[in-house]
Amino acid sequence: MEQTGQAADLIGVWQALNPSKVYVVDAMSSGAAPGTIRRFDVQDAPLPAAFRSGTSTHDLGLVQAVELARVLGCLPPRVIVYGIEGQCFDLGAALSAEVEAAALQTAEQIIQEIRQP
C-alpha cells in the first residue's frame, strides 16, 4: 500500500491492517552522496535524525510516527525502513538521476527480501 501525506497516518494504517511486516521507503538527508541507500530495522534501534527533516509542530515525521507507534503498542512486529539520500528537497523538484536509480534499486531489494522465506 502506498501512503503519502502525514507520517502520523501510518499509525492508523498499521492499526487497521495489523501487518506482520512493513517496508517504508523515505527520503533522508544525512550528508551522504545523493542516491545512497540505507536500510534500518526499527526493532534494532530508533531511526536516525536524518529522517527528522521537514517536521513542524503541526505534524510528525517518520521518526516520531514510528516512536509514537512503539509507545502506543501498535508498531508492527517488523518495520524495515529504507532511506534514500535526496539531492534537492525544494518543493516540486524532480528526482535526480541518482535518486531515481536508487529508488529502483530499493524496490528490487525489497522484492528480493519479500521472496526470501
Protein backbone atom coordinates (compact mmCIF):
# COMPACT_ATOMS: atom_id res chain seq x y z
CA MET A 1 0.00 0.00 0.00
CA GLU A 2 1.36 3.39 -0.92
CA GLN A 3 0.95 6.02 1.76
CA THR A 4 1.50 9.69 1.13
CA GLY A 5 0.97 12.72 3.29
CA GLN A 6 1.44 12.82 7.02
CA ALA A 7 3.72 10.22 8.60
CA ALA A 8 1.32 10.02 11.54
CA ASP A 9 -1.24 8.49 9.15
CA LEU A 10 0.96 5.38 9.14
CA ILE A 11 -0.15 4.65 12.70
CA GLY A 12 -3.79 4.43 11.63
CA VAL A 13 -2.92 2.24 8.67
CA TRP A 14 -0.89 -0.09 10.88
CA GLN A 15 -3.74 -0.31 13.40
CA ALA A 16 -6.32 -1.01 10.70
CA LEU A 17 -4.32 -3.60 8.75
CA ASN A 18 -2.34 -5.16 11.61
CA PRO A 19 0.51 -6.26 9.30
CA SER A 20 3.28 -8.59 10.49
CA LYS A 21 5.92 -6.84 8.39
CA VAL A 22 6.10 -3.36 6.88
CA TYR A 23 8.53 -1.74 4.47
CA VAL A 24 8.81 2.04 4.44
CA VAL A 25 10.81 3.99 1.86
CA ASP A 26 11.55 7.63 2.59
CA ALA A 27 13.96 10.38 1.65
CA MET A 28 16.68 11.27 4.08
CA SER A 29 19.28 13.96 4.47
CA SER A 30 22.39 12.71 6.25
CA GLY A 31 25.09 14.38 4.19
CA ALA A 32 25.86 11.23 2.18
CA ALA A 33 26.03 11.27 -1.60
CA PRO A 34 22.64 11.61 -3.35
CA GLY A 35 21.19 8.19 -4.08
CA THR A 36 22.89 6.49 -1.13
CA ILE A 37 20.62 3.77 0.24
CA ARG A 38 20.50 2.83 3.91
CA ARG A 39 18.44 0.06 5.48
CA PHE A 40 17.16 0.21 9.05
CA ASP A 41 15.36 -2.41 11.11
CA VAL A 42 13.26 -0.38 13.54
CA GLN A 43 13.26 -3.21 16.08
CA ASP A 44 17.07 -3.00 16.33
CA ALA A 45 17.28 0.73 17.07
CA PRO A 46 15.40 4.00 16.62
CA LEU A 47 15.70 5.70 13.24
CA PRO A 48 18.49 8.26 12.89
CA ALA A 49 17.93 12.00 12.96
CA ALA A 50 18.44 12.15 9.17
CA PHE A 51 14.71 11.35 8.85
CA ARG A 52 13.71 14.26 11.08
CA SER A 53 13.80 16.98 8.46
CA GLY A 54 10.66 18.79 7.41
CA THR A 55 8.61 18.44 10.56
CA SER A 56 6.76 21.17 12.34
CA THR A 57 4.69 21.45 15.49
CA HIS A 58 1.63 20.51 13.40
CA ASP A 59 2.75 17.17 12.01
CA LEU A 60 5.03 14.26 12.76
CA GLY A 61 7.94 12.99 10.76
CA LEU A 62 8.69 9.33 10.18
CA VAL A 63 10.92 9.06 13.28
CA GLN A 64 8.23 10.50 15.54
CA ALA A 65 5.47 8.37 13.99
CA VAL A 66 7.49 5.17 14.47
CA GLU A 67 8.36 6.02 18.05
CA LEU A 68 4.78 7.04 18.88
CA ALA A 69 3.54 3.74 17.42
CA ARG A 70 6.12 1.93 19.56
CA VAL A 71 4.90 3.70 22.74
CA LEU A 72 1.24 3.08 21.85
CA GLY A 73 1.93 -0.61 21.24
CA CYS A 74 0.80 -0.54 17.62
CA LEU A 75 4.17 -0.80 15.88
CA PRO A 76 4.09 -3.85 13.59
CA PRO A 77 6.38 -6.71 14.67
CA ARG A 78 8.82 -5.93 11.82
CA VAL A 79 9.34 -2.50 10.30
CA ILE A 80 12.10 -2.13 7.75
CA VAL A 81 12.87 1.40 6.62
CA TYR A 82 14.88 2.19 3.52
CA GLY A 83 16.27 5.69 3.42
CA ILE A 84 17.36 7.17 0.11
CA GLU A 85 19.63 10.18 0.34
CA GLY A 86 17.99 13.03 -1.51
CA GLN A 87 19.70 15.69 -3.56
CA CYS A 88 17.23 18.56 -3.70
CA PHE A 89 14.36 18.97 -1.25
CA ASP A 90 12.80 22.05 -2.87
CA LEU A 91 9.03 21.84 -3.29
CA GLY A 92 8.24 20.46 -6.74
CA ALA A 93 11.85 19.48 -7.52
CA ALA A 94 12.25 16.50 -9.83
CA LEU A 95 14.19 13.42 -8.78
CA SER A 96 17.85 13.47 -9.69
CA ALA A 97 19.13 10.58 -11.79
CA GLU A 98 20.98 9.21 -8.74
CA VAL A 99 17.88 9.23 -6.56
CA GLU A 100 15.69 7.71 -9.28
CA ALA A 101 18.20 4.89 -9.79
CA ALA A 102 18.36 4.34 -6.03
CA ALA A 103 14.55 4.14 -5.84
CA LEU A 104 14.51 1.41 -8.50
CA GLN A 105 17.33 -0.45 -6.76
CA THR A 106 15.49 -0.20 -3.44
CA ALA A 107 12.31 -1.61 -4.98
CA GLU A 108 14.28 -4.56 -6.34
CA GLN A 109 15.94 -5.12 -2.97
CA ILE A 110 12.57 -5.14 -1.20
CA ILE A 111 11.16 -7.62 -3.73
CA GLN A 112 14.13 -9.91 -3.09
CA GLU A 113 13.59 -9.68 0.69
CA ILE A 114 9.90 -10.48 0.34
CA ARG A 115 10.69 -13.54 -1.79
CA GLN A 116 13.08 -14.94 0.82
CA PRO A 117 11.49 -17.49 3.18
